[in-house]
PDB file of N, CA and C in Angstrom:
ATOM      1  N   MET A   1     100.611  74.147 123.084  1.00  0.00           N
ATOM      2  CA  MET A   1      99.969  75.399 123.442  1.00  0.00           C
ATOM      3  C   MET A   1     101.012  76.501 123.642  1.00  0.00           C
ATOM      4  N   ILE A   2     102.118  76.143 124.301  1.00  0.00           N
ATOM      5  CA  ILE A   2     103.175  77.119 124.531  1.00  0.00           C
ATOM      6  C   ILE A   2     103.764  77.574 123.190  1.00  0.00           C
ATOM      7  N   TYR A   3     103.851  76.627 122.238  1.00  0.00           N
ATOM      8  CA  TYR A   3     104.398  76.937 120.913  1.00  0.00           C
ATOM      9  C   TYR A   3     103.607  78.055 120.248  1.00  0.00           C
ATOM     10  N   PHE A   4     102.283  77.971 120.308  1.00  0.00           N
ATOM     11  CA  PHE A   4     101.450  78.977 119.664  1.00  0.00           C
ATOM     12  C   PHE A   4     101.543  80.319 120.392  1.00  0.00           C
ATOM     13  N   ALA A   5     101.687  80.279 121.699  1.00  0.00           N
ATOM     14  CA  ALA A   5     101.849  81.522 122.455  1.00  0.00           C
ATOM     15  C   ALA A   5     103.169  82.200 122.090  1.00  0.00           C
ATOM     16  N   LEU A   6     104.223  81.405 121.952  1.00  0.00           N
ATOM     17  CA  LEU A   6     105.511  81.978 121.565  1.00  0.00           C
ATOM     18  C   LEU A   6     105.482  82.522 120.137  1.00  0.00           C
ATOM     19  N   LEU A   7     104.745  81.868 119.249  1.00  0.00           N
ATOM     20  CA  LEU A   7     104.592  82.395 117.891  1.00  0.00           C
ATOM     21  C   LEU A   7     103.884  83.749 117.904  1.00  0.00           C
ATOM     22  N   ALA A   8     102.847  83.864 118.708  1.00  0.00           N
ATOM     23  CA  ALA A   8     102.121  85.133 118.787  1.00  0.00           C
ATOM     24  C   ALA A   8     103.009  86.230 119.351  1.00  0.00           C
ATOM     25  N   ILE A   9     103.833  85.896 120.339  1.00  0.00           N
ATOM     26  CA  ILE A   9     104.762  86.878 120.898  1.00  0.00           C
ATOM     27  C   ILE A   9     105.808  87.268 119.864  1.00  0.00           C
ATOM     28  N   ALA A  10     106.289  86.310 119.070  1.00  0.00           N
ATOM     29  CA  ALA A  10     107.280  86.604 118.035  1.00  0.00           C
ATOM     30  C   ALA A  10     106.727  87.561 116.989  1.00  0.00           C
ATOM     31  N   VAL A  11     105.473  87.371 116.611  1.00  0.00           N
ATOM     32  CA  VAL A  11     104.865  88.275 115.635  1.00  0.00           C
ATOM     33  C   VAL A  11     104.792  89.689 116.212  1.00  0.00           C
ATOM     34  N   ALA A  12     104.480  89.795 117.485  1.00  0.00           N
ATOM     35  CA  ALA A  12     104.415  91.119 118.118  1.00  0.00           C
ATOM     36  C   ALA A  12     105.803  91.756 118.213  1.00  0.00           C
ATOM     37  N   LEU A  13     106.816  90.962 118.489  1.00  0.00           N
ATOM     38  CA  LEU A  13     108.171  91.509 118.598  1.00  0.00           C
ATOM     39  C   LEU A  13     108.706  91.967 117.245  1.00  0.00           C
ATOM     40  N   ILE A  14     108.268  91.330 116.187  1.00  0.00           N
ATOM     41  CA  ILE A  14     108.705  91.752 114.858  1.00  0.00           C
ATOM     42  C   ILE A  14     108.154  93.140 114.542  1.00  0.00           C
ATOM     43  N   ALA A  15     106.988  93.464 115.080  1.00  0.00           N
ATOM     44  CA  ALA A  15     106.441  94.807 114.893  1.00  0.00           C
ATOM     45  C   ALA A  15     107.347  95.842 115.552  1.00  0.00           C
ATOM     46  N   ILE A  16     108.000  95.474 116.633  1.00  0.00           N
ATOM     47  CA  ILE A  16     108.948  96.375 117.292  1.00  0.00           C
ATOM     48  C   ILE A  16     110.145  96.626 116.377  1.00  0.00           C
ATOM     49  N   ALA A  17     110.557  95.619 115.600  1.00  0.00           N
ATOM     50  CA  ALA A  17     111.655  95.808 114.654  1.00  0.00           C
ATOM     51  C   ALA A  17     111.284  96.847 113.606  1.00  0.00           C
ATOM     52  N   ALA A  18     110.059  96.817 113.139  1.00  0.00           N
ATOM     53  CA  ALA A  18     109.616  97.813 112.154  1.00  0.00           C
ATOM     54  C   ALA A  18     109.611  99.207 112.779  1.00  0.00           C
ATOM     55  N   PHE A  19     109.235  99.309 114.037  1.00  0.00           N
ATOM     56  CA  PHE A  19     109.261 100.589 114.741  1.00  0.00           C
ATOM     57  C   PHE A  19     110.694 101.092 114.865  1.00  0.00           C
ATOM     58  N   GLY A  20     111.621 100.180 115.163  1.00  0.00           N
ATOM     59  CA  GLY A  20     113.035 100.555 115.263  1.00  0.00           C
ATOM     60  C   GLY A  20     113.595 101.018 113.929  1.00  0.00           C
ATOM     61  N   CYS A  21     113.134 100.403 112.848  1.00  0.00           N
ATOM     62  CA  CYS A  21     113.569 100.831 111.509  1.00  0.00           C
ATOM     63  C   CYS A  21     113.107 102.259 111.226  1.00  0.00           C
ATOM     64  N   GLY A  22     111.911 102.571 111.632  1.00  0.00           N
ATOM     65  CA  GLY A  22     111.408 103.933 111.444  1.00  0.00           C
ATOM     66  C   GLY A  22     112.220 104.945 112.227  1.00  0.00           C
ATOM     67  N   LEU A  23     112.563 104.592 113.453  1.00  0.00           N
ATOM     68  CA  LEU A  23     113.408 105.484 114.250  1.00  0.00           C
ATOM     69  C   LEU A  23     114.787 105.640 113.623  1.00  0.00           C
ATOM     70  N   GLY A  24     115.354 104.536 113.143  1.00  0.00           N
ATOM     71  CA  GLY A  24     116.671 104.590 112.513  1.00  0.00           C
ATOM     72  C   GLY A  24     116.674 105.456 111.265  1.00  0.00           C
ATOM     73  N   GLN A  25     115.622 105.363 110.478  1.00  0.00           N
ATOM     74  CA  GLN A  25     115.538 106.194 109.282  1.00  0.00           C
ATOM     75  C   GLN A  25     115.427 107.676 109.650  1.00  0.00           C
ATOM     76  N   GLY A  26     114.669 107.958 110.673  1.00  0.00           N
ATOM     77  CA  GLY A  26     114.547 109.350 111.107  1.00  0.00           C
ATOM     78  C   GLY A  26     115.866 109.914 111.594  1.00  0.00           C
ATOM     79  N   ILE A  27     116.605 109.124 112.348  1.00  0.00           N
ATOM     80  CA  ILE A  27     117.899 109.572 112.853  1.00  0.00           C
ATOM     81  C   ILE A  27     118.884 109.756 111.696  1.00  0.00           C
ATOM     82  N   ALA A  28     118.855 108.842 110.712  1.00  0.00           N
ATOM     83  CA  ALA A  28     119.765 108.945 109.571  1.00  0.00           C
ATOM     84  C   ALA A  28     119.478 110.200 108.747  1.00  0.00           C
ATOM     85  N   VAL A  29     118.218 110.480 108.493  1.00  0.00           N
ATOM     86  CA  VAL A  29     117.872 111.663 107.703  1.00  0.00           C
ATOM     87  C   VAL A  29     118.195 112.931 108.484  1.00  0.00           C
ATOM     88  N   TYR A  30     117.976 112.920 109.793  1.00  0.00           N
ATOM     89  CA  TYR A  30     118.313 114.073 110.621  1.00  0.00           C
ATOM     90  C   TYR A  30     119.813 114.350 110.566  1.00  0.00           C
ATOM     91  N   GLY A  31     120.613 113.291 110.700  1.00  0.00           N
ATOM     92  CA  GLY A  31     122.058 113.469 110.654  1.00  0.00           C
ATOM     93  C   GLY A  31     122.528 113.962 109.297  1.00  0.00           C
ATOM     94  N   ALA A  32     121.946 113.437 108.231  1.00  0.00           N
ATOM     95  CA  ALA A  32     122.334 113.876 106.887  1.00  0.00           C
ATOM     96  C   ALA A  32     121.943 115.336 106.652  1.00  0.00           C
ATOM     97  N   ALA A  33     120.741 115.699 107.061  1.00  0.00           N
ATOM     98  CA  ALA A  33     120.305 117.084 106.871  1.00  0.00           C
ATOM     99  C   ALA A  33     121.155 118.043 107.696  1.00  0.00           C
ATOM    100  N   ASN A  34     121.521 117.611 108.886  1.00  0.00           N
ATOM    101  CA  ASN A  34     122.352 118.434 109.750  1.00  0.00           C
ATOM    102  C   ASN A  34     123.741 118.620 109.145  1.00  0.00           C
ATOM    103  N   SER A  35     124.311 117.545 108.609  1.00  0.00           N
ATOM    104  CA  SER A  35     125.648 117.666 108.027  1.00  0.00           C
ATOM    105  C   SER A  35     125.619 118.432 106.706  1.00  0.00           C
ATOM    106  N   MET A  36     124.533 118.330 105.942  1.00  0.00           N
ATOM    107  CA  MET A  36     124.423 119.120 104.709  1.00  0.00           C
ATOM    108  C   MET A  36     124.288 120.610 105.029  1.00  0.00           C
ATOM    109  N   ALA A  37     123.652 120.921 106.140  1.00  0.00           N
ATOM    110  CA  ALA A  37     123.534 122.325 106.531  1.00  0.00           C
ATOM    111  C   ALA A  37     124.889 122.888 106.939  1.00  0.00           C
ATOM    112  N   ARG A  38     125.735 122.046 107.518  1.00  0.00           N
ATOM    113  CA  ARG A  38     127.062 122.508 107.937  1.00  0.00           C
ATOM    114  C   ARG A  38     128.030 122.611 106.770  1.00  0.00           C
ATOM    115  N   GLN A  39     127.938 121.667 105.813  1.00  0.00           N
ATOM    116  CA  GLN A  39     128.833 121.666 104.659  1.00  0.00           C
ATOM    117  C   GLN A  39     128.021 121.482 103.382  1.00  0.00           C
ATOM    118  N   PRO A  40     127.475 122.547 102.842  1.00  0.00           N
ATOM    119  CA  PRO A  40     126.636 122.431 101.645  1.00  0.00           C
ATOM    120  C   PRO A  40     127.381 121.888 100.422  1.00  0.00           C
ATOM    121  N   GLU A  41     128.686 122.089 100.341  1.00  0.00           N
ATOM    122  CA  GLU A  41     129.431 121.610  99.177  1.00  0.00           C
ATOM    123  C   GLU A  41     129.548 120.089  99.144  1.00  0.00           C
ATOM    124  N   MET A  42     129.327 119.409 100.261  1.00  0.00           N
ATOM    125  CA  MET A  42     129.385 117.942 100.328  1.00  0.00           C
ATOM    126  C   MET A  42     127.995 117.303 100.262  1.00  0.00           C
ATOM    127  N   ALA A  43     126.990 118.071  99.921  1.00  0.00           N
ATOM    128  CA  ALA A  43     125.602 117.585  99.959  1.00  0.00           C
ATOM    129  C   ALA A  43     125.383 116.377  99.056  1.00  0.00           C
ATOM    130  N   GLY A  44     125.993 116.358  97.877  1.00  0.00           N
ATOM    131  CA  GLY A  44     125.800 115.236  96.959  1.00  0.00           C
ATOM    132  C   GLY A  44     126.336 113.922  97.525  1.00  0.00           C
ATOM    133  N   LYS A  45     127.528 113.952  98.091  1.00  0.00           N
ATOM    134  CA  LYS A  45     128.119 112.740  98.663  1.00  0.00           C
ATOM    135  C   LYS A  45     127.361 112.295  99.914  1.00  0.00           C
ATOM    136  N   ILE A  46     126.919 113.258 100.698  1.00  0.00           N
ATOM    137  CA  ILE A  46     126.164 112.924 101.913  1.00  0.00           C
ATOM    138  C   ILE A  46     124.837 112.286 101.549  1.00  0.00           C
ATOM    139  N   GLN A  47     124.175 112.819 100.519  1.00  0.00           N
ATOM    140  CA  GLN A  47     122.908 112.234 100.084  1.00  0.00           C
ATOM    141  C   GLN A  47     123.094 110.809  99.588  1.00  0.00           C
ATOM    142  N   LEU A  48     124.166 110.560  98.847  1.00  0.00           N
ATOM    143  CA  LEU A  48     124.424 109.222  98.333  1.00  0.00           C
ATOM    144  C   LEU A  48     124.600 108.225  99.475  1.00  0.00           C
ATOM    145  N   VAL A  49     125.394 108.593 100.461  1.00  0.00           N
ATOM    146  CA  VAL A  49     125.612 107.708 101.607  1.00  0.00           C
ATOM    147  C   VAL A  49     124.320 107.527 102.401  1.00  0.00           C
ATOM    148  N   MET A  50     123.548 108.588 102.527  1.00  0.00           N
ATOM    149  CA  MET A  50     122.285 108.494 103.252  1.00  0.00           C
ATOM    150  C   MET A  50     121.326 107.553 102.541  1.00  0.00           C
ATOM    151  N   PHE A  51     121.234 107.635 101.209  1.00  0.00           N
ATOM    152  CA  PHE A  51     120.317 106.772 100.472  1.00  0.00           C
ATOM    153  C   PHE A  51     120.738 105.309 100.558  1.00  0.00           C
ATOM    154  N   VAL A  52     122.035 105.040 100.531  1.00  0.00           N
ATOM    155  CA  VAL A  52     122.498 103.657 100.676  1.00  0.00           C
ATOM    156  C   VAL A  52     122.142 103.128 102.070  1.00  0.00           C
ATOM    157  N   GLY A  53     122.363 103.946 103.083  1.00  0.00           N
ATOM    158  CA  GLY A  53     122.001 103.549 104.443  1.00  0.00           C
ATOM    159  C   GLY A  53     120.508 103.336 104.613  1.00  0.00           C
ATOM    160  N   LEU A  54     119.708 104.214 104.016  1.00  0.00           N
ATOM    161  CA  LEU A  54     118.256 104.063 104.088  1.00  0.00           C
ATOM    162  C   LEU A  54     117.792 102.795 103.360  1.00  0.00           C
ATOM    163  N   ALA A  55     118.492 102.433 102.290  1.00  0.00           N
ATOM    164  CA  ALA A  55     118.134 101.203 101.575  1.00  0.00           C
ATOM    165  C   ALA A  55     118.375  99.983 102.461  1.00  0.00           C
ATOM    166  N   PHE A  56     119.480  99.978 103.199  1.00  0.00           N
ATOM    167  CA  PHE A  56     119.743  98.862 104.111  1.00  0.00           C
ATOM    168  C   PHE A  56     118.711  98.804 105.233  1.00  0.00           C
ATOM    169  N   ILE A  57     118.351  99.945 105.768  1.00  0.00           N
ATOM    170  CA  ILE A  57     117.347  99.980 106.831  1.00  0.00           C
ATOM    171  C   ILE A  57     115.992  99.506 106.295  1.00  0.00           C
ATOM    172  N   GLU A  58     115.658  99.937 105.090  1.00  0.00           N
ATOM    173  CA  GLU A  58     114.373  99.550 104.502  1.00  0.00           C
ATOM    174  C   GLU A  58     114.338  98.054 104.189  1.00  0.00           C
ATOM    175  N   SER A  59     115.485  97.476 103.818  1.00  0.00           N
ATOM    176  CA  SER A  59     115.509  96.032 103.575  1.00  0.00           C
ATOM    177  C   SER A  59     115.234  95.268 104.864  1.00  0.00           C
ATOM    178  N   LEU A  60     115.714  95.770 106.000  1.00  0.00           N
ATOM    179  CA  LEU A  60     115.392  95.141 107.280  1.00  0.00           C
ATOM    180  C   LEU A  60     113.898  95.216 107.560  1.00  0.00           C
ATOM    181  N   THR A  61     113.273  96.323 107.212  1.00  0.00           N
ATOM    182  CA  THR A  61     111.832  96.463 107.397  1.00  0.00           C
ATOM    183  C   THR A  61     111.074  95.459 106.535  1.00  0.00           C
ATOM    184  N   ILE A  62     111.515  95.288 105.293  1.00  0.00           N
ATOM    185  CA  ILE A  62     110.843  94.341 104.402  1.00  0.00           C
ATOM    186  C   ILE A  62     111.027  92.912 104.900  1.00  0.00           C
ATOM    187  N   TYR A  63     112.229  92.572 105.387  1.00  0.00           N
ATOM    188  CA  TYR A  63     112.458  91.233 105.920  1.00  0.00           C
ATOM    189  C   TYR A  63     111.602  90.978 107.155  1.00  0.00           C
ATOM    190  N   SER A  64     111.458  91.968 108.019  1.00  0.00           N
ATOM    191  CA  SER A  64     110.633  91.773 109.216  1.00  0.00           C
ATOM    192  C   SER A  64     109.156  91.629 108.835  1.00  0.00           C
ATOM    193  N   LEU A  65     108.706  92.352 107.822  1.00  0.00           N
ATOM    194  CA  LEU A  65     107.332  92.195 107.352  1.00  0.00           C
ATOM    195  C   LEU A  65     107.117  90.796 106.780  1.00  0.00           C
ATOM    196  N   MET A  66     108.088  90.314 106.012  1.00  0.00           N
ATOM    197  CA  MET A  66     107.992  88.979 105.436  1.00  0.00           C
ATOM    198  C   MET A  66     107.958  87.919 106.550  1.00  0.00           C
ATOM    199  N   MET A  67     108.801  88.064 107.556  1.00  0.00           N
ATOM    200  CA  MET A  67     108.818  87.103 108.659  1.00  0.00           C
ATOM    201  C   MET A  67     107.510  87.132 109.444  1.00  0.00           C
ATOM    202  N   SER A  68     106.928  88.303 109.614  1.00  0.00           N
ATOM    203  CA  SER A  68     105.656  88.363 110.343  1.00  0.00           C
ATOM    204  C   SER A  68     104.552  87.671 109.557  1.00  0.00           C
ATOM    205  N   PHE A  69     104.548  87.810 108.227  1.00  0.00           N
ATOM    206  CA  PHE A  69     103.545  87.104 107.421  1.00  0.00           C
ATOM    207  C   PHE A  69     103.749  85.593 107.506  1.00  0.00           C
ATOM    208  N   ILE A  70     104.991  85.145 107.472  1.00  0.00           N
ATOM    209  CA  ILE A  70     105.268  83.713 107.576  1.00  0.00           C
ATOM    210  C   ILE A  70     104.808  83.176 108.923  1.00  0.00           C
ATOM    211  N   LEU A  71     105.145  83.884 109.998  1.00  0.00           N
ATOM    212  CA  LEU A  71     104.759  83.414 111.335  1.00  0.00           C
ATOM    213  C   LEU A  71     103.251  83.489 111.553  1.00  0.00           C
ATOM    214  N   MET A  72     102.607  84.506 110.999  1.00  0.00           N
ATOM    215  CA  MET A  72     101.158  84.587 111.150  1.00  0.00           C
ATOM    216  C   MET A  72     100.470  83.456 110.415  1.00  0.00           C
ATOM    217  N   GLY A  73     101.059  82.978 109.329  1.00  0.00           N
ATOM    218  CA  GLY A  73     100.500  81.843 108.613  1.00  0.00           C
ATOM    219  C   GLY A  73     100.599  80.546 109.402  1.00  0.00           C
ATOM    220  N   LYS A  74     101.525  80.465 110.348  1.00  0.00           N
ATOM    221  CA  LYS A  74     101.691  79.265 111.155  1.00  0.00           C
ATOM    222  C   LYS A  74     100.807  79.261 112.401  1.00  0.00           C
ATOM    223  N   LEU A  75     100.215  80.409 112.725  1.00  0.00           N
ATOM    224  CA  LEU A  75      99.318  80.467 113.874  1.00  0.00           C
ATOM    225  C   LEU A  75      98.018  79.751 113.544  1.00  0.00           C
ATOM    226  N   PRO A  76      97.429  79.055 114.524  1.00  0.00           N
ATOM    227  CA  PRO A  76      96.161  78.368 114.266  1.00  0.00           C
ATOM    228  C   PRO A  76      95.000  79.358 114.239  1.00  0.00           C
ATOM    229  N   LYS A  77      93.874  78.896 113.761  1.00  0.00           N
ATOM    230  CA  LYS A  77      92.667  79.720 113.737  1.00  0.00           C
ATOM    231  C   LYS A  77      92.196  79.968 115.170  1.00  0.00           C
ATOM    232  N   THR A  78      91.453  81.021 115.368  1.00  0.00           N
ATOM    233  CA  THR A  78      90.981  81.395 116.694  1.00  0.00           C
ATOM    234  C   THR A  78      90.088  80.314 117.293  1.00  0.00           C
ATOM    235  N   GLU A  79      89.269  79.707 116.480  1.00  0.00           N
ATOM    236  CA  GLU A  79      88.369  78.669 116.985  1.00  0.00           C
ATOM    237  C   GLU A  79      89.160  77.487 117.536  1.00  0.00           C
ATOM    238  N   ALA A  80      90.253  77.116 116.878  1.00  0.00           N
ATOM    239  CA  ALA A  80      91.071  76.000 117.343  1.00  0.00           C
ATOM    240  C   ALA A  80      91.732  76.322 118.683  1.00  0.00           C
ATOM    241  N   VAL A  81      92.168  77.556 118.851  1.00  0.00           N
ATOM    242  CA  VAL A  81      92.792  77.952 120.115  1.00  0.00           C
ATOM    243  C   VAL A  81      91.766  77.954 121.237  1.00  0.00           C
ATOM    244  N   LEU A  82      90.568  78.463 120.962  1.00  0.00           N
ATOM    245  CA  LEU A  82      89.524  78.467 121.986  1.00  0.00           C
ATOM    246  C   LEU A  82      89.136  77.044 122.378  1.00  0.00           C
ATOM    247  N   GLU A  83      89.110  76.148 121.423  1.00  0.00           N
ATOM    248  CA  GLU A  83      88.801  74.757 121.722  1.00  0.00           C
ATOM    249  C   GLU A  83      89.886  74.125 122.582  1.00  0.00           C
ATOM    250  N   LEU A  84      91.150  74.436 122.295  1.00  0.00           N
ATOM    251  CA  LEU A  84      92.254  73.926 123.130  1.00  0.00           C
ATOM    252  C   LEU A  84      92.154  74.460 124.560  1.00  0.00           C
ATOM    253  N   ILE A  85      91.803  75.703 124.686  1.00  0.00           N
ATOM    254  CA  ILE A  85      91.676  76.318 126.026  1.00  0.00           C
ATOM    255  C   ILE A  85      90.525  75.664 126.787  1.00  0.00           C
ATOM    256  N   GLN A  86      89.416  75.411 126.111  1.00  0.00           N
ATOM    257  CA  GLN A  86      88.265  74.771 126.777  1.00  0.00           C
ATOM    258  C   GLN A  86      88.620  73.385 127.248  1.00  0.00           C
ATOM    259  N   HIS A  87      89.381  72.616 126.439  1.00  0.00           N
ATOM    260  CA  HIS A  87      89.795  71.277 126.839  1.00  0.00           C
ATOM    261  C   HIS A  87      90.808  71.321 127.977  1.00  0.00           C
ATOM    262  N   ALA A  88      91.647  72.368 128.014  1.00  0.00           N
ATOM    263  CA  ALA A  88      92.645  72.474 129.075  1.00  0.00           C
ATOM    264  C   ALA A  88      91.993  72.823 130.409  1.00  0.00           C
ATOM    265  N   VAL A  89      90.903  73.588 130.368  1.00  0.00           N
ATOM    266  CA  VAL A  89      90.228  74.003 131.600  1.00  0.00           C
ATOM    267  C   VAL A  89      89.494  72.830 132.234  1.00  0.00           C
ATOM    268  N   LYS A  90      88.960  71.911 131.432  1.00  0.00           N
ATOM    269  CA  LYS A  90      88.170  70.800 131.961  1.00  0.00           C
ATOM    270  C   LYS A  90      89.019  69.797 132.667  1.00  0.00           C
TER     271      LYS A  90
END
């Protein structure tokens, strides 16, 4: 029973990773736009570095989505959990 509860918590925590990826992407784009405004002649190089960084951040988002699907597949059906709870209460 504890195993299934920990799996459910893990799936919820992976959603926090996706939220963190969104924040990281926003901060990266903000920093790139800010530096391009200060030095317009370096805009091409800054964009290249920003896109590489965004690709790494996005890969983390895809991995966390994949892990959440894998963990959700290991969770039991709702009826099975309710039956376990009913047997534990008796």
